[in-house]
Structure formats: structure tokens, C-alpha cells
């Protein structure tokens, strides 16, 4: 994922197999809303299609003007 900040690469499907809306992605919301997100139960997906449980915190990296520039 180096050089590609697109969370849909690892966060595209919910545990019940439904596609995850980009509007429902905590990683994306963290960047868009410039807020920290703490997620205690979620899934990330590997390139081979298998998934694994995750617990994570996202916190935006901000420029001097307070705009989120990454995680």
C-alpha cells in the first residue's frame, strides 16, 4: 500500500459480505472530518481475498493550515 492511501483496498466489505460504502469507512471519515476514529471490531482484507479481525485508531495528519493531508 506504499504510495496508495485508498482504504478501499483493505476495507471494502463488511463481515456479512456486503460492500462497504466509502461514506461508512472510518478511515475516510477521519480524513474528511479531521477527527480521530477508534474502531474496536472490524475486518481488513488481504490481496488473496481472506480477511482478518482488526482493532485500530485513525488520526489525521494535518498541515499547518489544519487540513488533513494523510493518516
PDB file of N, CA and C in Angstrom:
ATOM      1  N   UNK A   1       0.812  -1.205   0.000  1.00  0.00           N
ATOM      2  CA  UNK A   1       0.000   0.000   0.000  1.00  0.00           C
ATOM      3  C   UNK A   1       0.852   1.263   0.000  1.00  0.00           C
ATOM      4  N   UNK A   2       2.153   1.123  -0.054  1.00  0.00           N
ATOM      5  CA  UNK A   2       3.003   2.303  -0.081  1.00  0.00           C
ATOM      6  C   UNK A   2       2.632   3.152  -1.291  1.00  0.00           C
ATOM      7  N   UNK A   3       2.365   4.422  -1.037  1.00  0.00           N
ATOM      8  CA  UNK A   3       2.014   5.343  -2.112  1.00  0.00           C
ATOM      9  C   UNK A   3       0.556   5.311  -2.502  1.00  0.00           C
ATOM     10  N   UNK A   4      -0.248   4.464  -1.864  1.00  0.00           N
ATOM     11  CA  UNK A   4      -1.671   4.395  -2.180  1.00  0.00           C
ATOM     12  C   UNK A   4      -2.451   4.495  -0.883  1.00  0.00           C
ATOM     13  N   UNK A   5      -3.076   5.634  -0.635  1.00  0.00           N
ATOM     14  CA  UNK A   5      -3.813   5.865   0.597  1.00  0.00           C
ATOM     15  C   UNK A   5      -5.279   5.505   0.513  1.00  0.00           C
ATOM     16  N   UNK A   6      -5.660   4.684  -0.458  1.00  0.00           N
ATOM     17  CA  UNK A   6      -7.059   4.330  -0.655  1.00  0.00           C
ATOM     18  C   UNK A   6      -7.471   3.214   0.297  1.00  0.00           C
ATOM     19  N   UNK A   7      -8.297   3.516   1.323  1.00  0.00           N
ATOM     20  CA  UNK A   7      -8.675   2.483   2.284  1.00  0.00           C
ATOM     21  C   UNK A   7      -9.531   1.372   1.684  1.00  0.00           C
ATOM     22  N   UNK A   8     -10.135   1.596   0.512  1.00  0.00           N
ATOM     23  CA  UNK A   8     -10.978   0.560  -0.076  1.00  0.00           C
ATOM     24  C   UNK A   8     -10.166  -0.669  -0.492  1.00  0.00           C
ATOM     25  N   UNK A   9      -8.839  -0.568  -0.539  1.00  0.00           N
ATOM     26  CA  UNK A   9      -8.007  -1.731  -0.855  1.00  0.00           C
ATOM     27  C   UNK A   9      -8.068  -2.781   0.245  1.00  0.00           C
ATOM     28  N   UNK A  10      -8.231  -2.360   1.481  1.00  0.00           N
ATOM     29  CA  UNK A  10      -8.241  -3.307   2.602  1.00  0.00           C
ATOM     30  C   UNK A  10      -9.545  -3.277   3.395  1.00  0.00           C
ATOM     31  N   UNK A  11     -10.467  -2.410   3.028  1.00  0.00           N
ATOM     32  CA  UNK A  11     -11.640  -2.138   3.855  1.00  0.00           C
ATOM     33  C   UNK A  11     -12.882  -2.013   2.978  1.00  0.00           C
ATOM     34  N   UNK A  12     -13.104  -2.973   2.090  1.00  0.00           N
ATOM     35  CA  UNK A  12     -14.134  -2.854   1.063  1.00  0.00           C
ATOM     36  C   UNK A  12     -15.408  -3.638   1.325  1.00  0.00           C
ATOM     37  N   UNK A  13     -15.387  -4.569   2.287  1.00  0.00           N
ATOM     38  CA  UNK A  13     -16.518  -5.454   2.515  1.00  0.00           C
ATOM     39  C   UNK A  13     -16.750  -5.612   4.015  1.00  0.00           C
ATOM     40  N   UNK A  14     -18.014  -5.673   4.421  1.00  0.00           N
ATOM     41  CA  UNK A  14     -18.347  -5.861   5.832  1.00  0.00           C
ATOM     42  C   UNK A  14     -18.240  -7.344   6.199  1.00  0.00           C
ATOM     43  N   UNK A  15     -18.349  -7.671   7.475  1.00  0.00           N
ATOM     44  CA  UNK A  15     -18.233  -9.051   7.946  1.00  0.00           C
ATOM     45  C   UNK A  15     -19.313  -9.957   7.368  1.00  0.00           C
ATOM     46  N   UNK A  16     -20.480  -9.385   7.059  1.00  0.00           N
ATOM     47  CA  UNK A  16     -21.557 -10.207   6.493  1.00  0.00           C
ATOM     48  C   UNK A  16     -21.501 -10.281   4.961  1.00  0.00           C
ATOM     49  N   UNK A  17     -20.417  -9.788   4.359  1.00  0.00           N
ATOM     50  CA  UNK A  17     -20.220  -9.924   2.915  1.00  0.00           C
ATOM     51  C   UNK A  17     -20.772  -8.800   2.065  1.00  0.00           C
ATOM     52  N   UNK A  18     -21.364  -7.791   2.692  1.00  0.00           N
ATOM     53  CA  UNK A  18     -21.921  -6.671   1.934  1.00  0.00           C
ATOM     54  C   UNK A  18     -20.825  -5.660   1.607  1.00  0.00           C
ATOM     55  N   UNK A  19     -20.890  -5.041   0.431  1.00  0.00           N
ATOM     56  CA  UNK A  19     -19.907  -3.997   0.105  1.00  0.00           C
ATOM     57  C   UNK A  19     -19.988  -2.847   1.106  1.00  0.00           C
ATOM     58  N   UNK A  20     -18.840  -2.340   1.518  1.00  0.00           N
ATOM     59  CA  UNK A  20     -18.799  -1.213   2.449  1.00  0.00           C
ATOM     60  C   UNK A  20     -18.840   0.080   1.641  1.00  0.00           C
ATOM     61  N   UNK A  21     -19.752   0.943   1.998  1.00  0.00           N
ATOM     62  CA  UNK A  21     -19.844   2.255   1.367  1.00  0.00           C
ATOM     63  C   UNK A  21     -18.640   3.097   1.774  1.00  0.00           C
ATOM     64  N   UNK A  22     -18.068   3.827   0.830  1.00  0.00           N
ATOM     65  CA  UNK A  22     -16.946   4.715   1.139  1.00  0.00           C
ATOM     66  C   UNK A  22     -17.368   5.752   2.178  1.00  0.00           C
ATOM     67  N   UNK A  23     -18.670   6.083   2.202  1.00  0.00           N
ATOM     68  CA  UNK A  23     -19.185   7.049   3.172  1.00  0.00           C
ATOM     69  C   UNK A  23     -19.241   6.470   4.585  1.00  0.00           C
ATOM     70  N   UNK A  24     -19.108   5.142   4.714  1.00  0.00           N
ATOM     71  CA  UNK A  24     -19.186   4.456   6.000  1.00  0.00           C
ATOM     72  C   UNK A  24     -17.812   3.999   6.489  1.00  0.00           C
ATOM     73  N   UNK A  25     -16.764   4.421   5.830  1.00  0.00           N
ATOM     74  CA  UNK A  25     -15.418   3.969   6.160  1.00  0.00           C
ATOM     75  C   UNK A  25     -14.796   4.884   7.225  1.00  0.00           C
ATOM     76  N   UNK A  26     -14.488   4.366   8.416  1.00  0.00           N
ATOM     77  CA  UNK A  26     -13.902   5.203   9.461  1.00  0.00           C
ATOM     78  C   UNK A  26     -12.585   5.860   9.052  1.00  0.00           C
ATOM     79  N   UNK A  27     -11.793   5.171   8.239  1.00  0.00           N
ATOM     80  CA  UNK A  27     -10.532   5.753   7.782  1.00  0.00           C
ATOM     81  C   UNK A  27     -10.804   6.989   6.936  1.00  0.00           C
ATOM     82  N   UNK A  28     -11.703   6.877   5.992  1.00  0.00           N
ATOM     83  CA  UNK A  28     -12.062   8.003   5.131  1.00  0.00           C
ATOM     84  C   UNK A  28     -12.704   9.130   5.943  1.00  0.00           C
ATOM     85  N   UNK A  29     -13.578   8.783   6.893  1.00  0.00           N
ATOM     86  CA  UNK A  29     -14.234   9.801   7.720  1.00  0.00           C
ATOM     87  C   UNK A  29     -13.220  10.575   8.558  1.00  0.00           C
ATOM     88  N   UNK A  30     -12.189   9.885   9.010  1.00  0.00           N
ATOM     89  CA  UNK A  30     -11.146  10.543   9.789  1.00  0.00           C
ATOM     90  C   UNK A  30     -10.473  11.645   8.977  1.00  0.00           C
ATOM     91  N   UNK A  31     -10.167  11.348   7.722  1.00  0.00           N
ATOM     92  CA  UNK A  31      -9.537  12.341   6.845  1.00  0.00           C
ATOM     93  C   UNK A  31     -10.511  13.461   6.499  1.00  0.00           C
ATOM     94  N   UNK A  32     -11.726  13.088   6.089  1.00  0.00           N
ATOM     95  CA  UNK A  32     -12.700  14.093   5.651  1.00  0.00           C
ATOM     96  C   UNK A  32     -13.109  15.047   6.756  1.00  0.00           C
ATOM     97  N   UNK A  33     -13.292  14.513   7.969  1.00  0.00           N
ATOM     98  CA  UNK A  33     -13.807  15.328   9.071  1.00  0.00           C
ATOM     99  C   UNK A  33     -12.721  15.808  10.027  1.00  0.00           C
ATOM    100  N   UNK A  34     -11.470  15.449   9.739  1.00  0.00           N
ATOM    101  CA  UNK A  34     -10.341  15.881  10.548  1.00  0.00           C
ATOM    102  C   UNK A  34     -10.526  15.499  12.020  1.00  0.00           C
ATOM    103  N   UNK A  35     -10.927  14.220  12.236  1.00  0.00           N
ATOM    104  CA  UNK A  35     -11.166  13.730  13.592  1.00  0.00           C
ATOM    105  C   UNK A  35     -10.507  12.360  13.775  1.00  0.00           C
ATOM    106  N   UNK A  36     -10.245  12.000  15.019  1.00  0.00           N
ATOM    107  CA  UNK A  36      -9.745  10.679  15.343  1.00  0.00           C
ATOM    108  C   UNK A  36     -10.916   9.697  15.343  1.00  0.00           C
ATOM    109  N   UNK A  37     -10.674   8.498  14.857  1.00  0.00           N
ATOM    110  CA  UNK A  37     -11.680   7.429  14.890  1.00  0.00           C
ATOM    111  C   UNK A  37     -11.078   6.243  15.642  1.00  0.00           C
ATOM    112  N   UNK A  38     -11.813   5.677  16.589  1.00  0.00           N
ATOM    113  CA  UNK A  38     -11.390   4.474  17.306  1.00  0.00           C
ATOM    114  C   UNK A  38     -12.387   3.375  16.954  1.00  0.00           C
ATOM    115  N   UNK A  39     -11.882   2.273  16.404  1.00  0.00           N
ATOM    116  CA  UNK A  39     -12.737   1.166  15.961  1.00  0.00           C
ATOM    117  C   UNK A  39     -12.295  -0.093  16.712  1.00  0.00           C
ATOM    118  N   UNK A  40     -13.226  -0.713  17.450  1.00  0.00           N
ATOM    119  CA  UNK A  40     -12.857  -1.862  18.273  1.00  0.00           C
ATOM    120  C   UNK A  40     -13.105  -3.197  17.579  1.00  0.00           C
ATOM    121  N   UNK A  41     -13.998  -3.254  16.586  1.00  0.00           N
ATOM    122  CA  UNK A  41     -14.261  -4.501  15.867  1.00  0.00           C
ATOM    123  C   UNK A  41     -14.477  -4.196  14.402  1.00  0.00           C
ATOM    124  N   UNK A  42     -13.600  -4.722  13.555  1.00  0.00           N
ATOM    125  CA  UNK A  42     -13.727  -4.519  12.120  1.00  0.00           C
ATOM    126  C   UNK A  42     -12.939  -5.614  11.405  1.00  0.00           C
ATOM    127  N   UNK A  43     -12.975  -5.601  10.090  1.00  0.00           N
ATOM    128  CA  UNK A  43     -12.223  -6.546   9.269  1.00  0.00           C
ATOM    129  C   UNK A  43     -11.401  -5.785   8.250  1.00  0.00           C
ATOM    130  N   UNK A  44     -10.203  -6.252   8.020  1.00  0.00           N
ATOM    131  CA  UNK A  44      -9.405  -5.799   6.888  1.00  0.00           C
ATOM    132  C   UNK A  44      -9.230  -7.012   5.978  1.00  0.00           C
ATOM    133  N   UNK A  45      -8.970  -6.739   4.711  1.00  0.00           N
ATOM    134  CA  UNK A  45      -8.912  -7.792   3.697  1.00  0.00           C
ATOM    135  C   UNK A  45      -7.533  -7.862   3.059  1.00  0.00           C
ATOM    136  N   UNK A  46      -7.073  -9.089   2.842  1.00  0.00           N
ATOM    137  CA  UNK A  46      -5.793  -9.324   2.176  1.00  0.00           C
ATOM    138  C   UNK A  46      -5.984  -9.392   0.662  1.00  0.00           C
ATOM    139  N   UNK A  47      -4.897  -9.294  -0.047  1.00  0.00           N
ATOM    140  CA  UNK A  47      -4.915  -9.363  -1.505  1.00  0.00           C
ATOM    141  C   UNK A  47      -5.502 -10.692  -1.999  1.00  0.00           C
ATOM    142  N   UNK A  48      -5.296 -11.775  -1.234  1.00  0.00           N
ATOM    143  CA  UNK A  48      -5.796 -13.091  -1.652  1.00  0.00           C
ATOM    144  C   UNK A  48      -7.286 -13.287  -1.364  1.00  0.00           C
ATOM    145  N   UNK A  49      -7.958 -12.257  -0.793  1.00  0.00           N
ATOM    146  CA  UNK A  49      -9.394 -12.324  -0.532  1.00  0.00           C
ATOM    147  C   UNK A  49      -9.755 -12.773   0.862  1.00  0.00           C
ATOM    148  N   UNK A  50      -8.800 -13.186   1.664  1.00  0.00           N
ATOM    149  CA  UNK A  50      -9.095 -13.566   3.043  1.00  0.00           C
ATOM    150  C   UNK A  50      -9.129 -12.306   3.920  1.00  0.00           C
ATOM    151  N   UNK A  51      -9.815 -12.434   5.046  1.00  0.00           N
ATOM    152  CA  UNK A  51      -9.949 -11.284   5.949  1.00  0.00           C
ATOM    153  C   UNK A  51      -9.362 -11.625   7.304  1.00  0.00           C
ATOM    154  N   UNK A  52      -9.159 -10.596   8.127  1.00  0.00           N
ATOM    155  CA  UNK A  52      -8.687 -10.791   9.487  1.00  0.00           C
ATOM    156  C   UNK A  52      -9.272  -9.692  10.370  1.00  0.00           C
ATOM    157  N   UNK A  53      -9.566 -10.018  11.647  1.00  0.00           N
ATOM    158  CA  UNK A  53     -10.155  -9.023  12.552  1.00  0.00           C
ATOM    159  C   UNK A  53      -9.124  -7.973  12.943  1.00  0.00           C
ATOM    160  N   UNK A  54      -9.596  -6.739  13.092  1.00  0.00           N
ATOM    161  CA  UNK A  54      -8.714  -5.639  13.482  1.00  0.00           C
ATOM    162  C   UNK A  54      -9.382  -4.745  14.512  1.00  0.00           C
ATOM    163  N   UNK A  55      -8.552  -4.107  15.283  1.00  0.00           N
ATOM    164  CA  UNK A  55      -8.922  -3.014  16.180  1.00  0.00           C
ATOM    165  C   UNK A  55      -7.909  -1.925  15.875  1.00  0.00           C
ATOM    166  N   UNK A  56      -8.380  -0.696  15.613  1.00  0.00           N
ATOM    167  CA  UNK A  56      -7.445   0.345  15.192  1.00  0.00           C
ATOM    168  C   UNK A  56      -7.938   1.737  15.556  1.00  0.00           C
ATOM    169  N   UNK A  57      -6.994   2.659  15.482  1.00  0.00           N
ATOM    170  CA  UNK A  57      -7.284   4.075  15.683  1.00  0.00           C
ATOM    171  C   UNK A  57      -6.717   4.811  14.481  1.00  0.00           C
ATOM    172  N   UNK A  58      -7.522   5.691  13.897  1.00  0.00           N
ATOM    173  CA  UNK A  58      -7.019   6.549  12.830  1.00  0.00           C
ATOM    174  C   UNK A  58      -6.981   7.978  13.353  1.00  0.00           C
ATOM    175  N   UNK A  59      -5.951   8.677  13.004  1.00  0.00           N
ATOM    176  CA  UNK A  59      -5.793  10.064  13.410  1.00  0.00           C
ATOM    177  C   UNK A  59      -5.194  10.826  12.234  1.00  0.00           C
ATOM    178  N   UNK A  60      -5.869  11.862  11.754  1.00  0.00           N
ATOM    179  CA  UNK A  60      -5.368  12.567  10.578  1.00  0.00           C
ATOM    180  C   UNK A  60      -4.078  13.331  10.859  1.00  0.00           C
ATOM    181  N   UNK A  61      -3.209  13.355   9.872  1.00  0.00           N
ATOM    182  CA  UNK A  61      -2.022  14.209   9.903  1.00  0.00           C
ATOM    183  C   UNK A  61      -2.428  15.528   9.263  1.00  0.00           C
ATOM    184  N   UNK A  62      -2.190  16.614   9.945  1.00  0.00           N
ATOM    185  CA  UNK A  62      -2.666  17.918   9.464  1.00  0.00           C
ATOM    186  C   UNK A  62      -1.514  18.808   9.026  1.00  0.00           C
ATOM    187  N   UNK A  63      -1.809  19.593   7.995  1.00  0.00           N
ATOM    188  CA  UNK A  63      -0.836  20.585   7.554  1.00  0.00           C
ATOM    189  C   UNK A  63      -0.895  21.778   8.484  1.00  0.00           C
ATOM    190  N   UNK A  64      -0.056  22.747   8.253  1.00  0.00           N
ATOM    191  CA  UNK A  64      -0.043  23.941   9.108  1.00  0.00           C
ATOM    192  C   UNK A  64      -1.386  24.668   9.088  1.00  0.00           C
ATOM    193  N   UNK A  65      -2.102  24.567   7.980  1.00  0.00           N
ATOM    194  CA  UNK A  65      -3.413  25.210   7.871  1.00  0.00           C
ATOM    195  C   UNK A  65      -4.533  24.385   8.426  1.00  0.00           C
ATOM    196  N   UNK A  66      -4.205  23.285   9.148  1.00  0.00           N
ATOM    197  CA  UNK A  66      -5.168  22.414   9.812  1.00  0.00           C
ATOM    198  C   UNK A  66      -5.935  21.496   8.876  1.00  0.00           C
ATOM    199  N   UNK A  67      -5.604  21.423   7.575  1.00  0.00           N
ATOM    200  CA  UNK A  67      -6.267  20.498   6.668  1.00  0.00           C
ATOM    201  C   UNK A  67      -5.613  19.125   6.782  1.00  0.00           C
ATOM    202  N   UNK A  68      -6.420  18.075   6.769  1.00  0.00           N
ATOM    203  CA  UNK A  68      -5.884  16.723   6.826  1.00  0.00           C
ATOM    204  C   UNK A  68      -5.147  16.414   5.525  1.00  0.00           C
ATOM    205  N   UNK A  69      -3.933  15.914   5.661  1.00  0.00           N
ATOM    206  CA  UNK A  69      -3.128  15.581   4.484  1.00  0.00           C
ATOM    207  C   UNK A  69      -2.821  14.087   4.427  1.00  0.00           C
ATOM    208  N   UNK A  70      -3.230  13.322   5.413  1.00  0.00           N
ATOM    209  CA  UNK A  70      -2.991  11.887   5.440  1.00  0.00           C
ATOM    210  C   UNK A  70      -3.271  11.335   6.809  1.00  0.00           C
ATOM    211  N   UNK A  71      -2.973  10.046   7.011  1.00  0.00           N
ATOM    212  CA  UNK A  71      -3.200   9.380   8.292  1.00  0.00           C
ATOM    213  C   UNK A  71      -1.889   8.959   8.896  1.00  0.00           C
TER     214      UNK A  71
END
